[in-house]
């Protein structure tokens, strides 16, 4: 059965790191644009559109960051569960082998 199902816990760890990096990238992009105000661009209509975009961008990136954080936490928990299962199974097999071989 083991040959048919395999979980690469290292890949899960890399995925978590990638998710966390994406949150940092979103935050950096929002921070870089935060200092640009609509009143620096030109017409009142363009200023208003810029301010509206900034508000929506902030809200959207905050929501996306929160969701990515939730996914990251779930993947971390799964990774830990797989690692625990592998360790527990290895321990159980070792104990079984010891008990069936008479401790030899």
C-alpha atoms as a PDB file:
ATOM      1  CA  UNK A   1       0.000   0.000   0.000  1.00  0.00           C
ATOM      2  CA  UNK A   2       2.865   2.375   0.772  1.00  0.00           C
ATOM      3  CA  UNK A   3       3.949   2.383  -2.863  1.00  0.00           C
ATOM      4  CA  UNK A   4       0.608   3.784  -3.957  1.00  0.00           C
ATOM      5  CA  UNK A   5       0.379   6.709  -1.595  1.00  0.00           C
ATOM      6  CA  UNK A   6       3.162   9.094  -0.768  1.00  0.00           C
ATOM      7  CA  UNK A   7       3.240  12.501   0.868  1.00  0.00           C
ATOM      8  CA  UNK A   8       6.295  14.649   0.350  1.00  0.00           C
ATOM      9  CA  UNK A   9       6.478  16.574   3.615  1.00  0.00           C
ATOM     10  CA  UNK A  10       9.463  18.575   2.347  1.00  0.00           C
ATOM     11  CA  UNK A  11       7.312  19.799  -0.552  1.00  0.00           C
ATOM     12  CA  UNK A  12       4.571  20.751   1.921  1.00  0.00           C
ATOM     13  CA  UNK A  13       7.132  22.765   3.875  1.00  0.00           C
ATOM     14  CA  UNK A  14       8.246  24.551   0.701  1.00  0.00           C
ATOM     15  CA  UNK A  15       4.610  25.250  -0.177  1.00  0.00           C
ATOM     16  CA  UNK A  16       4.048  26.842   3.241  1.00  0.00           C
ATOM     17  CA  UNK A  17       7.148  29.006   2.759  1.00  0.00           C
ATOM     18  CA  UNK A  18       5.880  30.047  -0.686  1.00  0.00           C
ATOM     19  CA  UNK A  19       2.472  30.971   0.726  1.00  0.00           C
ATOM     20  CA  UNK A  20       4.050  33.016   3.489  1.00  0.00           C
ATOM     21  CA  UNK A  21       6.326  34.772   0.978  1.00  0.00           C
ATOM     22  CA  UNK A  22       3.315  35.673  -1.165  1.00  0.00           C
ATOM     23  CA  UNK A  23       1.697  37.410   1.812  1.00  0.00           C
ATOM     24  CA  UNK A  24       4.909  39.376   2.345  1.00  0.00           C
ATOM     25  CA  UNK A  25       5.005  40.321  -1.357  1.00  0.00           C
ATOM     26  CA  UNK A  26       1.399  41.557  -1.270  1.00  0.00           C
ATOM     27  CA  UNK A  27       2.098  43.588   1.818  1.00  0.00           C
ATOM     28  CA  UNK A  28       5.241  45.096   0.268  1.00  0.00           C
ATOM     29  CA  UNK A  29       3.382  46.049  -2.903  1.00  0.00           C
ATOM     30  CA  UNK A  30       0.624  47.718  -0.912  1.00  0.00           C
ATOM     31  CA  UNK A  31       3.143  49.558   1.239  1.00  0.00           C
ATOM     32  CA  UNK A  32       5.034  50.790  -1.826  1.00  0.00           C
ATOM     33  CA  UNK A  33       1.838  52.262  -3.263  1.00  0.00           C
ATOM     34  CA  UNK A  34       0.467  53.621   0.016  1.00  0.00           C
ATOM     35  CA  UNK A  35       2.383  56.889  -0.163  1.00  0.00           C
ATOM     36  CA  UNK A  36       0.822  57.803  -3.526  1.00  0.00           C
ATOM     37  CA  UNK A  37      -2.278  59.865  -2.918  1.00  0.00           C
ATOM     38  CA  UNK A  38      -4.937  60.712  -5.404  1.00  0.00           C
ATOM     39  CA  UNK A  39      -4.445  64.439  -4.962  1.00  0.00           C
ATOM     40  CA  UNK A  40      -0.946  64.109  -6.426  1.00  0.00           C
ATOM     41  CA  UNK A  41      -2.108  62.860  -9.806  1.00  0.00           C
ATOM     42  CA  UNK A  42      -4.261  65.533 -11.328  1.00  0.00           C
ATOM     43  CA  UNK A  43      -7.956  66.019 -11.908  1.00  0.00           C
ATOM     44  CA  UNK A  44     -10.498  65.600  -9.131  1.00  0.00           C
ATOM     45  CA  UNK A  45     -12.095  62.662 -10.944  1.00  0.00           C
ATOM     46  CA  UNK A  46      -8.751  60.914 -11.353  1.00  0.00           C
ATOM     47  CA  UNK A  47      -7.885  61.660  -7.731  1.00  0.00           C
ATOM     48  CA  UNK A  48     -11.152  60.073  -6.599  1.00  0.00           C
ATOM     49  CA  UNK A  49     -10.584  57.013  -8.788  1.00  0.00           C
ATOM     50  CA  UNK A  50      -7.075  56.616  -7.369  1.00  0.00           C
ATOM     51  CA  UNK A  51      -8.311  56.872  -3.786  1.00  0.00           C
ATOM     52  CA  UNK A  52     -11.072  54.345  -4.497  1.00  0.00           C
ATOM     53  CA  UNK A  53      -8.540  51.970  -6.028  1.00  0.00           C
ATOM     54  CA  UNK A  54      -6.239  52.346  -3.009  1.00  0.00           C
ATOM     55  CA  UNK A  55      -9.117  51.521  -0.649  1.00  0.00           C
ATOM     56  CA  UNK A  56     -10.161  48.482  -2.662  1.00  0.00           C
ATOM     57  CA  UNK A  57      -6.547  47.347  -3.083  1.00  0.00           C
ATOM     58  CA  UNK A  58      -5.985  47.595   0.673  1.00  0.00           C
ATOM     59  CA  UNK A  59      -9.171  45.691   1.464  1.00  0.00           C
ATOM     60  CA  UNK A  60      -8.494  43.039  -1.183  1.00  0.00           C
ATOM     61  CA  UNK A  61      -4.913  42.426  -0.149  1.00  0.00           C
ATOM     62  CA  UNK A  62      -5.899  42.232   3.509  1.00  0.00           C
ATOM     63  CA  UNK A  63      -8.572  39.655   2.701  1.00  0.00           C
ATOM     64  CA  UNK A  64      -6.239  37.687   0.440  1.00  0.00           C
ATOM     65  CA  UNK A  65      -3.479  37.778   3.046  1.00  0.00           C
ATOM     66  CA  UNK A  66      -5.865  36.461   5.669  1.00  0.00           C
ATOM     67  CA  UNK A  67      -7.037  33.630   3.420  1.00  0.00           C
ATOM     68  CA  UNK A  68      -3.485  32.706   2.427  1.00  0.00           C
ATOM     69  CA  UNK A  69      -2.563  32.700   6.117  1.00  0.00           C
ATOM     70  CA  UNK A  70      -5.426  30.301   6.848  1.00  0.00           C
ATOM     71  CA  UNK A  71      -4.347  27.993   4.006  1.00  0.00           C
ATOM     72  CA  UNK A  72      -0.757  28.142   5.212  1.00  0.00           C
ATOM     73  CA  UNK A  73      -1.778  27.148   8.731  1.00  0.00           C
ATOM     74  CA  UNK A  74      -3.827  24.233   7.365  1.00  0.00           C
ATOM     75  CA  UNK A  75      -0.918  22.984   5.259  1.00  0.00           C
ATOM     76  CA  UNK A  76       1.421  23.295   8.261  1.00  0.00           C
ATOM     77  CA  UNK A  77      -0.980  21.225  10.373  1.00  0.00           C
ATOM     78  CA  UNK A  78      -1.243  18.589   7.628  1.00  0.00           C
ATOM     79  CA  UNK A  79       2.540  18.446   7.301  1.00  0.00           C
ATOM     80  CA  UNK A  80       2.927  17.904  11.039  1.00  0.00           C
ATOM     81  CA  UNK A  81       0.204  15.244  10.992  1.00  0.00           C
ATOM     82  CA  UNK A  82       1.906  13.352   8.157  1.00  0.00           C
ATOM     83  CA  UNK A  83       5.258  13.530   9.927  1.00  0.00           C
ATOM     84  CA  UNK A  84       3.702  12.278  13.176  1.00  0.00           C
ATOM     85  CA  UNK A  85       1.952   9.449  11.328  1.00  0.00           C
ATOM     86  CA  UNK A  86       5.224   8.405   9.675  1.00  0.00           C
ATOM     87  CA  UNK A  87       7.056   8.459  13.011  1.00  0.00           C
ATOM     88  CA  UNK A  88       4.293   6.589  14.828  1.00  0.00           C
ATOM     89  CA  UNK A  89       4.128   3.973  12.081  1.00  0.00           C
ATOM     90  CA  UNK A  90       7.916   3.509  12.124  1.00  0.00           C
ATOM     91  CA  UNK A  91       7.828   3.101  15.917  1.00  0.00           C
ATOM     92  CA  UNK A  92       4.963   0.607  15.726  1.00  0.00           C
ATOM     93  CA  UNK A  93       6.732  -1.448  13.061  1.00  0.00           C
ATOM     94  CA  UNK A  94       9.940  -1.459  15.106  1.00  0.00           C
ATOM     95  CA  UNK A  95       8.054  -2.630  18.215  1.00  0.00           C
ATOM     96  CA  UNK A  96       6.234  -5.289  16.185  1.00  0.00           C
ATOM     97  CA  UNK A  97       9.477  -6.533  14.702  1.00  0.00           C
ATOM     98  CA  UNK A  98      11.091  -6.649  18.146  1.00  0.00           C
ATOM     99  CA  UNK A  99       8.146  -8.522  19.660  1.00  0.00           C
ATOM    100  CA  UNK A 100       7.910 -11.094  16.854  1.00  0.00           C
ATOM    101  CA  UNK A 101      11.639 -11.781  16.794  1.00  0.00           C
ATOM    102  CA  UNK A 102      11.768 -12.430  20.524  1.00  0.00           C
ATOM    103  CA  UNK A 103      13.673  -9.220  21.269  1.00  0.00           C
ATOM    104  CA  UNK A 104      16.616 -10.187  19.117  1.00  0.00           C
END
